PDB file of N, CA and C in Angstrom:
ATOM      1  N   THR A   1     -17.485  54.746 -69.873  1.00  0.00           N
ATOM      2  CA  THR A   1     -18.543  55.632 -69.796  1.00  0.00           C
ATOM      3  C   THR A   1     -18.764  55.995 -71.112  1.00  0.00           C
ATOM      4  N   THR A   2     -17.966  56.328 -72.064  1.00  0.00           N
ATOM      5  CA  THR A   2     -18.022  56.674 -73.348  1.00  0.00           C
ATOM      6  C   THR A   2     -18.689  55.648 -74.297  1.00  0.00           C
ATOM      7  N   ALA A   3     -18.182  54.416 -73.913  1.00  0.00           N
ATOM      8  CA  ALA A   3     -19.040  53.276 -74.851  1.00  0.00           C
ATOM      9  C   ALA A   3     -20.390  53.310 -74.620  1.00  0.00           C
ATOM     10  N   ALA A   4     -20.719  53.586 -73.174  1.00  0.00           N
ATOM     11  CA  ALA A   4     -22.261  53.471 -72.805  1.00  0.00           C
ATOM     12  C   ALA A   4     -23.099  54.637 -73.276  1.00  0.00           C
ATOM     13  N   VAL A   5     -22.414  55.808 -73.338  1.00  0.00           N
ATOM     14  CA  VAL A   5     -23.180  56.860 -73.849  1.00  0.00           C
ATOM     15  C   VAL A   5     -23.292  56.532 -75.422  1.00  0.00           C
ATOM     16  N   ALA A   6     -22.477  56.250 -76.035  1.00  0.00           N
ATOM     17  CA  ALA A   6     -22.474  56.092 -77.475  1.00  0.00           C
ATOM     18  C   ALA A   6     -23.400  54.888 -77.707  1.00  0.00           C
ATOM     19  N   TYR A   7     -23.683  53.822 -77.054  1.00  0.00           N
ATOM     20  CA  TYR A   7     -24.593  52.871 -77.094  1.00  0.00           C
ATOM     21  C   TYR A   7     -25.999  53.536 -76.916  1.00  0.00           C
ATOM     22  N   GLN A   8     -26.114  54.354 -75.832  1.00  0.00           N
ATOM     23  CA  GLN A   8     -27.661  54.811 -75.560  1.00  0.00           C
ATOM     24  C   GLN A   8     -27.835  55.772 -76.762  1.00  0.00           C
ATOM     25  N   LEU A   9     -27.003  56.394 -77.490  1.00  0.00           N
ATOM     26  CA  LEU A   9     -27.281  57.327 -78.452  1.00  0.00           C
ATOM     27  C   LEU A   9     -27.335  56.747 -79.934  1.00  0.00           C
ATOM     28  N   GLY A  10     -27.087  55.373 -79.948  1.00  0.00           N
ATOM     29  CA  GLY A  10     -27.186  54.579 -81.061  1.00  0.00           C
ATOM     30  C   GLY A  10     -26.015  54.755 -82.051  1.00  0.00           C
ATOM     31  N   ARG A  11     -24.865  55.136 -81.348  1.00  0.00           N
ATOM     32  CA  ARG A  11     -23.704  55.451 -82.210  1.00  0.00           C
ATOM     33  C   ARG A  11     -22.692  54.198 -81.980  1.00  0.00           C
ATOM     34  N   ASN A  12     -21.895  53.992 -82.992  1.00  0.00           N
ATOM     35  CA  ASN A  12     -20.732  53.079 -83.122  1.00  0.00           C
ATOM     36  C   ASN A  12     -19.643  53.625 -82.045  1.00  0.00           C
ATOM     37  N   TYR A  13     -19.014  52.539 -81.642  1.00  0.00           N
ATOM     38  CA  TYR A  13     -17.878  52.868 -80.456  1.00  0.00           C
ATOM     39  C   TYR A  13     -16.783  51.981 -80.480  1.00  0.00           C
ATOM     40  N   VAL A  14     -15.502  52.384 -80.199  1.00  0.00           N
ATOM     41  CA  VAL A  14     -14.456  51.485 -79.894  1.00  0.00           C
ATOM     42  C   VAL A  14     -13.942  51.925 -78.683  1.00  0.00           C
ATOM     43  N   GLY A  15     -13.352  50.884 -78.029  1.00  0.00           N
ATOM     44  CA  GLY A  15     -12.864  51.077 -76.686  1.00  0.00           C
ATOM     45  C   GLY A  15     -11.578  50.481 -76.530  1.00  0.00           C
ATOM     46  N   VAL A  16     -10.554  51.252 -75.816  1.00  0.00           N
ATOM     47  CA  VAL A  16      -9.177  50.539 -75.709  1.00  0.00           C
ATOM     48  C   VAL A  16      -8.987  50.810 -74.219  1.00  0.00           C
ATOM     49  N   GLU A  17      -8.534  49.657 -73.530  1.00  0.00           N
ATOM     50  CA  GLU A  17      -8.364  49.801 -72.064  1.00  0.00           C
ATOM     51  C   GLU A  17      -7.309  48.806 -71.695  1.00  0.00           C
ATOM     52  N   ILE A  18      -6.451  49.358 -70.795  1.00  0.00           N
ATOM     53  CA  ILE A  18      -5.361  48.365 -70.319  1.00  0.00           C
ATOM     54  C   ILE A  18      -5.780  47.521 -69.043  1.00  0.00           C
ATOM     55  N   SER A  19      -6.807  47.973 -68.268  1.00  0.00           N
ATOM     56  CA  SER A  19      -7.235  47.155 -67.122  1.00  0.00           C
ATOM     57  C   SER A  19      -8.348  46.253 -67.567  1.00  0.00           C
ATOM     58  N   GLN A  20      -7.960  45.048 -67.128  1.00  0.00           N
ATOM     59  CA  GLN A  20      -8.909  43.875 -67.470  1.00  0.00           C
ATOM     60  C   GLN A  20     -10.380  44.155 -66.583  1.00  0.00           C
ATOM     61  N   LYS A  21     -10.045  44.594 -65.369  1.00  0.00           N
ATOM     62  CA  LYS A  21     -11.110  44.889 -64.508  1.00  0.00           C
ATOM     63  C   LYS A  21     -12.077  45.906 -65.175  1.00  0.00           C
ATOM     64  N   TYR A  22     -11.626  46.829 -65.596  1.00  0.00           N
ATOM     65  CA  TYR A  22     -12.411  48.125 -66.299  1.00  0.00           C
ATOM     66  C   TYR A  22     -13.218  47.495 -67.542  1.00  0.00           C
ATOM     67  N   VAL A  23     -12.518  46.660 -68.183  1.00  0.00           N
ATOM     68  CA  VAL A  23     -13.129  46.012 -69.270  1.00  0.00           C
ATOM     69  C   VAL A  23     -14.317  45.240 -68.881  1.00  0.00           C
ATOM     70  N   GLU A  24     -14.144  44.492 -67.868  1.00  0.00           N
ATOM     71  CA  GLU A  24     -15.164  43.545 -67.458  1.00  0.00           C
ATOM     72  C   GLU A  24     -16.526  44.491 -66.974  1.00  0.00           C
ATOM     73  N   ASN A  25     -16.170  45.474 -66.228  1.00  0.00           N
ATOM     74  CA  ASN A  25     -17.164  46.363 -65.737  1.00  0.00           C
ATOM     75  C   ASN A  25     -17.817  47.074 -66.980  1.00  0.00           C
ATOM     76  N   THR A  26     -17.035  47.386 -67.939  1.00  0.00           N
ATOM     77  CA  THR A  26     -17.795  48.081 -69.068  1.00  0.00           C
ATOM     78  C   THR A  26     -18.570  47.000 -69.790  1.00  0.00           C
ATOM     79  N   GLU A  27     -18.100  46.011 -69.805  1.00  0.00           N
ATOM     80  CA  GLU A  27     -18.950  44.998 -70.552  1.00  0.00           C
ATOM     81  C   GLU A  27     -20.319  44.564 -69.935  1.00  0.00           C
ATOM     82  N   LYS A  28     -20.110  44.348 -68.511  1.00  0.00           N
ATOM     83  CA  LYS A  28     -21.367  44.279 -67.781  1.00  0.00           C
ATOM     84  C   LYS A  28     -22.398  45.637 -67.745  1.00  0.00           C
ATOM     85  N   ARG A  29     -21.722  46.633 -67.847  1.00  0.00           N
ATOM     86  CA  ARG A  29     -22.686  47.804 -67.873  1.00  0.00           C
ATOM     87  C   ARG A  29     -23.326  47.936 -69.417  1.00  0.00           C
ATOM     88  N   LEU A  30     -22.618  47.580 -70.434  1.00  0.00           N
ATOM     89  CA  LEU A  30     -23.405  47.602 -71.773  1.00  0.00           C
ATOM     90  C   LEU A  30     -24.364  46.396 -71.859  1.00  0.00           C
ATOM     91  N   ALA A  31     -24.106  45.407 -71.303  1.00  0.00           N
ATOM     92  CA  ALA A  31     -25.156  44.112 -71.154  1.00  0.00           C
ATOM     93  C   ALA A  31     -26.277  44.623 -70.529  1.00  0.00           C
ATOM     94  N   GLU A  32     -26.139  45.509 -69.303  1.00  0.00           N
ATOM     95  CA  GLU A  32     -27.370  45.938 -68.655  1.00  0.00           C
ATOM     96  C   GLU A  32     -28.206  46.956 -69.508  1.00  0.00           C
ATOM     97  N   LEU A  33     -27.340  47.697 -70.072  1.00  0.00           N
ATOM     98  CA  LEU A  33     -28.023  48.855 -71.137  1.00  0.00           C
ATOM     99  C   LEU A  33     -28.959  48.035 -72.281  1.00  0.00           C
ATOM    100  N   LYS A  34     -28.163  46.904 -72.814  1.00  0.00           N
ATOM    101  CA  LYS A  34     -28.955  46.119 -73.881  1.00  0.00           C
ATOM    102  C   LYS A  34     -30.106  45.467 -73.265  1.00  0.00           C
ATOM    103  N   ASP A  35     -30.172  44.851 -71.973  1.00  0.00           N
ATOM    104  CA  ASP A  35     -31.458  44.312 -71.394  1.00  0.00           C
ATOM    105  C   ASP A  35     -32.307  45.291 -71.224  1.00  0.00           C
ATOM    106  N   GLN A  36     -31.934  46.356 -70.803  1.00  0.00           N
ATOM    107  CA  GLN A  36     -32.938  47.802 -70.609  1.00  0.00           C
ATOM    108  C   GLN A  36     -33.702  48.071 -71.730  1.00  0.00           C
ATOM    109  N   GLN A  37     -32.856  48.004 -72.786  1.00  0.00           N
ATOM    110  CA  GLN A  37     -33.386  48.604 -74.039  1.00  0.00           C
ATOM    111  C   GLN A  37     -34.452  47.610 -74.571  1.00  0.00           C
ATOM    112  N   PHE A  38     -34.140  46.174 -74.448  1.00  0.00           N
ATOM    113  CA  PHE A  38     -35.005  45.101 -74.868  1.00  0.00           C
ATOM    114  C   PHE A  38     -36.209  44.905 -73.907  1.00  0.00           C
ATOM    115  N   SER A  39     -36.166  45.502 -72.877  1.00  0.00           N
ATOM    116  CA  SER A  39     -37.456  45.243 -71.886  1.00  0.00           C
ATOM    117  C   SER A  39     -38.569  46.173 -72.216  1.00  0.00           C
ATOM    118  N   ASN A  40     -38.279  47.068 -73.009  1.00  0.00           N
ATOM    119  CA  ASN A  40     -39.291  48.072 -73.664  1.00  0.00           C
ATOM    120  C   ASN A  40     -39.544  47.832 -75.327  1.00  0.00           C
ATOM    121  N   LEU A  41     -40.699  47.405 -75.643  1.00  0.00           N
ATOM    122  CA  LEU A  41     -40.781  46.976 -77.183  1.00  0.00           C
ATOM    123  C   LEU A  41     -40.971  48.316 -77.797  1.00  0.00           C
ATOM    124  N   PHE A  42     -41.347  49.438 -77.379  1.00  0.00           N
ATOM    125  CA  PHE A  42     -41.580  50.507 -78.059  1.00  0.00           C
ATOM    126  C   PHE A  42     -40.563  51.714 -78.072  1.00  0.00           C
ATOM    127  N   LEU A  43     -39.759  51.739 -77.034  1.00  0.00           N
ATOM    128  CA  LEU A  43     -38.860  52.883 -77.251  1.00  0.00           C
ATOM    129  C   LEU A  43     -37.633  52.516 -76.881  1.00  0.00           C
ATOM    130  N   ASN A  44     -36.417  53.143 -77.393  1.00  0.00           N
ATOM    131  CA  ASN A  44     -35.253  52.804 -77.520  1.00  0.00           C
ATOM    132  C   ASN A  44     -34.480  53.547 -76.228  1.00  0.00           C
ATOM    133  N   THR A  45     -33.258  53.160 -75.932  1.00  0.00           N
ATOM    134  CA  THR A  45     -32.617  53.684 -74.663  1.00  0.00           C
ATOM    135  C   THR A  45     -32.676  55.208 -74.643  1.00  0.00           C
ATOM    136  N   ALA A  46     -32.433  55.734 -75.722  1.00  0.00           N
ATOM    137  CA  ALA A  46     -32.316  57.438 -75.663  1.00  0.00           C
ATOM    138  C   ALA A  46     -33.861  57.946 -75.257  1.00  0.00           C
ATOM    139  N   GLU A  47     -34.905  57.225 -75.961  1.00  0.00           N
ATOM    140  CA  GLU A  47     -35.976  57.680 -75.730  1.00  0.00           C
ATOM    141  C   GLU A  47     -36.635  57.396 -74.293  1.00  0.00           C
ATOM    142  N   LEU A  48     -36.158  56.233 -73.738  1.00  0.00           N
ATOM    143  CA  LEU A  48     -36.447  55.922 -72.331  1.00  0.00           C
ATOM    144  C   LEU A  48     -35.752  56.985 -71.455  1.00  0.00           C
ATOM    145  N   ASN A  49     -34.570  57.347 -71.562  1.00  0.00           N
ATOM    146  CA  ASN A  49     -33.905  58.341 -70.968  1.00  0.00           C
ATOM    147  C   ASN A  49     -34.496  59.755 -70.838  1.00  0.00           C
ATOM    148  N   GLU A  50     -34.925  60.080 -72.166  1.00  0.00           N
ATOM    149  CA  GLU A  50     -35.722  61.237 -72.320  1.00  0.00           C
ATOM    150  C   GLU A  50     -37.152  61.423 -71.481  1.00  0.00           C
ATOM    151  N   LEU A  51     -37.819  60.154 -71.617  1.00  0.00           N
ATOM    152  CA  LEU A  51     -39.223  59.949 -70.917  1.00  0.00           C
ATOM    153  C   LEU A  51     -38.919  60.164 -69.497  1.00  0.00           C
ATOM    154  N   LYS A  52     -37.827  59.685 -68.798  1.00  0.00           N
ATOM    155  CA  LYS A  52     -37.434  59.822 -67.538  1.00  0.00           C
ATOM    156  C   LYS A  52     -37.327  61.239 -67.152  1.00  0.00           C
ATOM    157  N   ARG A  53     -36.577  61.939 -67.993  1.00  0.00           N
ATOM    158  CA  ARG A  53     -36.166  63.284 -67.644  1.00  0.00           C
ATOM    159  C   ARG A  53     -37.545  64.244 -67.730  1.00  0.00           C
ATOM    160  N   LEU A  54     -38.392  63.935 -68.537  1.00  0.00           N
ATOM    161  CA  LEU A  54     -39.663  64.749 -68.781  1.00  0.00           C
ATOM    162  C   LEU A  54     -40.491  64.368 -67.571  1.00  0.00           C
ATOM    163  N   LEU A  55     -40.485  63.056 -67.099  1.00  0.00           N
ATOM    164  CA  LEU A  55     -41.172  62.753 -65.941  1.00  0.00           C
ATOM    165  C   LEU A  55     -40.719  63.380 -64.802  1.00  0.00           C
ATOM    166  N   SER A  56     -39.467  63.495 -64.640  1.00  0.00           N
ATOM    167  CA  SER A  56     -38.894  64.284 -63.529  1.00  0.00           C
ATOM    168  C   SER A  56     -39.300  65.973 -63.647  1.00  0.00           C
ATOM    169  N   ASP A  57     -39.156  66.366 -64.889  1.00  0.00           N
ATOM    170  CA  ASP A  57     -39.405  67.678 -65.001  1.00  0.00           C
ATOM    171  C   ASP A  57     -41.061  67.970 -64.603  1.00  0.00           C
ATOM    172  N   ILE A  58     -41.898  67.145 -65.053  1.00  0.00           N
ATOM    173  CA  ILE A  58     -43.367  67.316 -64.766  1.00  0.00           C
ATOM    174  C   ILE A  58     -43.792  67.452 -63.369  1.00  0.00           C
ATOM    175  N   LYS A  59     -42.873  66.391 -62.526  1.00  0.00           N
ATOM    176  CA  LYS A  59     -43.191  66.260 -61.183  1.00  0.00           C
ATOM    177  C   LYS A  59     -44.452  65.703 -60.917  1.00  0.00           C
ATOM    178  N   LYS A  60     -45.011  64.995 -61.754  1.00  0.00           N
ATOM    179  CA  LYS A  60     -46.270  64.122 -61.383  1.00  0.00           C
ATOM    180  C   LYS A  60     -46.037  62.689 -61.551  1.00  0.00           C
ATOM    181  N   PRO A  61     -46.648  61.863 -60.814  1.00  0.00           N
ATOM    182  CA  PRO A  61     -46.315  60.403 -60.751  1.00  0.00           C
ATOM    183  C   PRO A  61     -46.734  59.692 -62.085  1.00  0.00           C
ATOM    184  N   ALA A  62     -46.054  58.867 -62.581  1.00  0.00           N
ATOM    185  CA  ALA A  62     -46.268  58.129 -63.792  1.00  0.00           C
ATOM    186  C   ALA A  62     -47.803  57.694 -63.864  1.00  0.00           C
ATOM    187  N   LYS A  63     -48.206  57.012 -62.696  1.00  0.00           N
ATOM    188  CA  LYS A  63     -49.495  56.492 -62.725  1.00  0.00           C
ATOM    189  C   LYS A  63     -50.594  57.620 -62.809  1.00  0.00           C
ATOM    190  N   GLU A  64     -50.338  58.828 -62.333  1.00  0.00           N
ATOM    191  CA  GLU A  64     -51.411  59.661 -62.474  1.00  0.00           C
ATOM    192  C   GLU A  64     -51.460  60.226 -63.845  1.00  0.00           C
ATOM    193  N   ILE A  65     -50.135  60.368 -64.681  1.00  0.00           N
ATOM    194  CA  ILE A  65     -50.242  60.892 -65.996  1.00  0.00           C
ATOM    195  C   ILE A  65     -50.946  59.778 -67.017  1.00  0.00           C
ATOM    196  N   ALA A  66     -50.590  58.470 -66.590  1.00  0.00           N
ATOM    197  CA  ALA A  66     -51.217  57.459 -67.269  1.00  0.00           C
ATOM    198  C   ALA A  66     -52.727  57.239 -67.259  1.00  0.00           C
ATOM    199  N   ALA A  67     -53.188  57.661 -66.225  1.00  0.00           N
ATOM    200  CA  ALA A  67     -54.756  57.572 -65.867  1.00  0.00           C
ATOM    201  C   ALA A  67     -55.599  58.705 -66.405  1.00  0.00           C
ATOM    202  N   ASP A  68     -54.805  59.833 -66.585  1.00  0.00           N
ATOM    203  CA  ASP A  68     -55.634  61.024 -67.062  1.00  0.00           C
ATOM    204  C   ASP A  68     -55.297  61.105 -68.561  1.00  0.00           C
ATOM    205  N   LYS A  69     -56.410  61.004 -69.298  1.00  0.00           N
ATOM    206  CA  LYS A  69     -56.092  60.849 -70.811  1.00  0.00           C
ATOM    207  C   LYS A  69     -55.700  62.270 -71.434  1.00  0.00           C
ATOM    208  N   SER A  70     -56.417  63.470 -71.005  1.00  0.00           N
ATOM    209  CA  SER A  70     -55.851  64.846 -71.401  1.00  0.00           C
ATOM    210  C   SER A  70     -54.399  65.035 -70.966  1.00  0.00           C
ATOM    211  N   LEU A  71     -54.084  64.532 -69.682  1.00  0.00           N
ATOM    212  CA  LEU A  71     -52.570  64.824 -69.255  1.00  0.00           C
ATOM    213  C   LEU A  71     -51.626  64.032 -70.047  1.00  0.00           C
ATOM    214  N   LEU A  72     -52.166  62.854 -70.446  1.00  0.00           N
ATOM    215  CA  LEU A  72     -51.316  61.642 -71.105  1.00  0.00           C
ATOM    216  C   LEU A  72     -51.107  62.241 -72.577  1.00  0.00           C
ATOM    217  N   ARG A  73     -52.146  62.753 -73.137  1.00  0.00           N
ATOM    218  CA  ARG A  73     -52.063  63.329 -74.446  1.00  0.00           C
ATOM    219  C   ARG A  73     -50.892  64.385 -74.436  1.00  0.00           C
ATOM    220  N   LEU A  74     -51.024  65.443 -73.515  1.00  0.00           N
ATOM    221  CA  LEU A  74     -50.091  66.543 -73.412  1.00  0.00           C
ATOM    222  C   LEU A  74     -48.544  65.969 -73.231  1.00  0.00           C
ATOM    223  N   PHE A  75     -48.523  65.102 -72.301  1.00  0.00           N
ATOM    224  CA  PHE A  75     -47.314  64.475 -71.961  1.00  0.00           C
ATOM    225  C   PHE A  75     -46.669  63.857 -73.181  1.00  0.00           C
ATOM    226  N   THR A  76     -47.519  63.138 -73.870  1.00  0.00           N
ATOM    227  CA  THR A  76     -46.914  62.387 -75.146  1.00  0.00           C
ATOM    228  C   THR A  76     -46.573  63.467 -76.165  1.00  0.00           C
ATOM    229  N   ASP A  77     -47.310  64.379 -76.501  1.00  0.00           N
ATOM    230  CA  ASP A  77     -47.006  65.503 -77.453  1.00  0.00           C
ATOM    231  C   ASP A  77     -45.602  66.060 -76.934  1.00  0.00           C
ATOM    232  N   GLN A  78     -45.560  66.488 -75.646  1.00  0.00           N
ATOM    233  CA  GLN A  78     -44.353  67.054 -75.087  1.00  0.00           C
ATOM    234  C   GLN A  78     -43.032  66.259 -75.306  1.00  0.00           C
ATOM    235  N   PHE A  79     -43.309  64.884 -75.105  1.00  0.00           N
ATOM    236  CA  PHE A  79     -42.250  63.857 -75.408  1.00  0.00           C
ATOM    237  C   PHE A  79     -41.843  63.952 -76.829  1.00  0.00           C
ATOM    238  N   ALA A  80     -42.877  64.142 -77.787  1.00  0.00           N
ATOM    239  CA  ALA A  80     -42.424  64.114 -79.113  1.00  0.00           C
ATOM    240  C   ALA A  80     -41.666  65.256 -79.543  1.00  0.00           C
ATOM    241  N   VAL A  81     -41.907  66.365 -78.920  1.00  0.00           N
ATOM    242  CA  VAL A  81     -41.327  67.672 -79.063  1.00  0.00           C
ATOM    243  C   VAL A  81     -40.032  67.652 -78.747  1.00  0.00           C
ATOM    244  N   ARG A  82     -39.748  66.968 -77.489  1.00  0.00           N
ATOM    245  CA  ARG A  82     -38.444  66.988 -76.887  1.00  0.00           C
ATOM    246  C   ARG A  82     -37.320  65.939 -77.738  1.00  0.00           C
ATOM    247  N   MET A  83     -38.048  64.741 -78.335  1.00  0.00           N
ATOM    248  CA  MET A  83     -37.303  63.866 -79.130  1.00  0.00           C
ATOM    249  C   MET A  83     -36.974  64.494 -80.402  1.00  0.00           C
ATOM    250  N   ASN A  84     -37.914  65.442 -81.039  1.00  0.00           N
ATOM    251  CA  ASN A  84     -37.476  65.874 -82.164  1.00  0.00           C
ATOM    252  C   ASN A  84     -37.130  65.165 -83.368  1.00  0.00           C
ATOM    253  N   ASN A  85     -37.659  63.929 -83.497  1.00  0.00           N
ATOM    254  CA  ASN A  85     -37.218  63.131 -84.505  1.00  0.00           C
ATOM    255  C   ASN A  85     -38.273  62.624 -85.642  1.00  0.00           C
ATOM    256  N   GLN A  86     -39.246  63.430 -85.511  1.00  0.00           N
ATOM    257  CA  GLN A  86     -40.523  63.203 -86.577  1.00  0.00           C
ATOM    258  C   GLN A  86     -41.139  61.927 -86.427  1.00  0.00           C
ATOM    259  N   LYS A  87     -40.796  61.287 -85.241  1.00  0.00           N
ATOM    260  CA  LYS A  87     -41.521  59.945 -85.037  1.00  0.00           C
ATOM    261  C   LYS A  87     -42.927  60.157 -84.228  1.00  0.00           C
ATOM    262  N   CYS A  88     -43.993  59.457 -84.593  1.00  0.00           N
ATOM    263  CA  CYS A  88     -45.125  59.887 -83.935  1.00  0.00           C
ATOM    264  C   CYS A  88     -45.449  58.579 -82.817  1.00  0.00           C
ATOM    265  N   TYR A  89     -45.571  59.211 -81.730  1.00  0.00           N
ATOM    266  CA  TYR A  89     -45.692  58.325 -80.458  1.00  0.00           C
ATOM    267  C   TYR A  89     -47.071  58.128 -80.231  1.00  0.00           C
ATOM    268  N   ARG A  90     -47.452  56.936 -79.862  1.00  0.00           N
ATOM    269  CA  ARG A  90     -48.925  56.787 -79.373  1.00  0.00           C
ATOM    270  C   ARG A  90     -49.048  56.689 -77.814  1.00  0.00           C
ATOM    271  N   THR A  91     -50.133  57.184 -77.334  1.00  0.00           N
ATOM    272  CA  THR A  91     -50.228  57.095 -75.924  1.00  0.00           C
ATOM    273  C   THR A  91     -50.116  55.938 -75.479  1.00  0.00           C
ATOM    274  N   ALA A  92     -50.597  54.707 -76.163  1.00  0.00           N
ATOM    275  CA  ALA A  92     -50.334  53.358 -75.543  1.00  0.00           C
ATOM    276  C   ALA A  92     -48.840  53.126 -75.345  1.00  0.00           C
ATOM    277  N   GLU A  93     -48.038  53.389 -76.259  1.00  0.00           N
ATOM    278  CA  GLU A  93     -46.558  53.230 -76.012  1.00  0.00           C
ATOM    279  C   GLU A  93     -46.064  53.946 -74.796  1.00  0.00           C
ATOM    280  N   ILE A  94     -46.457  55.118 -74.728  1.00  0.00           N
ATOM    281  CA  ILE A  94     -46.005  55.841 -73.617  1.00  0.00           C
ATOM    282  C   ILE A  94     -46.622  55.222 -72.169  1.00  0.00           C
ATOM    283  N   VAL A  95     -47.848  54.906 -72.348  1.00  0.00           N
ATOM    284  CA  VAL A  95     -48.278  54.406 -70.990  1.00  0.00           C
ATOM    285  C   VAL A  95     -47.404  52.939 -70.758  1.00  0.00           C
ATOM    286  N   ALA A  96     -47.292  52.230 -71.617  1.00  0.00           N
ATOM    287  CA  ALA A  96     -46.535  51.101 -71.495  1.00  0.00           C
ATOM    288  C   ALA A  96     -45.025  51.460 -70.866  1.00  0.00           C
ATOM    289  N   ALA A  97     -44.333  52.400 -71.434  1.00  0.00           N
ATOM    290  CA  ALA A  97     -43.190  52.856 -70.958  1.00  0.00           C
ATOM    291  C   ALA A  97     -43.145  53.643 -69.515  1.00  0.00           C
ATOM    292  N   LEU A  98     -44.073  54.113 -69.353  1.00  0.00           N
ATOM    293  CA  LEU A  98     -44.151  54.733 -67.919  1.00  0.00           C
ATOM    294  C   LEU A  98     -44.594  53.555 -66.904  1.00  0.00           C
ATOM    295  N   GLY A  99     -45.238  52.702 -67.472  1.00  0.00           N
ATOM    296  CA  GLY A  99     -45.429  51.416 -66.469  1.00  0.00           C
ATOM    297  C   GLY A  99     -43.983  50.818 -66.167  1.00  0.00           C
ATOM    298  N   ASP A 100     -43.326  50.588 -67.249  1.00  0.00           N
ATOM    299  CA  ASP A 100     -41.775  50.143 -67.020  1.00  0.00           C
ATOM    300  C   ASP A 100     -40.991  50.962 -66.051  1.00  0.00           C
ATOM    301  N   ILE A 101     -41.124  52.164 -66.105  1.00  0.00           N
ATOM    302  CA  ILE A 101     -40.431  53.142 -65.368  1.00  0.00           C
ATOM    303  C   ILE A 101     -40.886  53.123 -63.936  1.00  0.00           C
ATOM    304  N   ALA A 102     -42.124  53.132 -63.753  1.00  0.00           N
ATOM    305  CA  ALA A 102     -42.686  53.279 -62.442  1.00  0.00           C
ATOM    306  C   ALA A 102     -42.423  52.136 -61.597  1.00  0.00           C
ATOM    307  N   ASP A 103     -42.232  50.891 -62.389  1.00  0.00           N
ATOM    308  CA  ASP A 103     -42.035  49.683 -61.694  1.00  0.00           C
ATOM    309  C   ASP A 103     -40.531  49.489 -60.911  1.00  0.00           C
TER     310      ASP A 103
END
């Protein structure tokens, strides 16, 4: 779990484990996280996780947010505030990510 969280946060990690089965499970989980990260071209894993949290907090379907330009702009702005990384997010990127989440 520590390695997975470190990976999601873009941090370096080292793991030591005596159980070969646990090592295999960890490698599988990390591979799934890497696949998830590359499935979205615009957002990294931490950003996707925060997008999911914001979507859950707003309690509106992703398709409804993507279809309403005003709501989408507010959602995108709120997402940028939550990320607090001085990155400028475009609504098109958010729509693409919402589409990935909704699928």
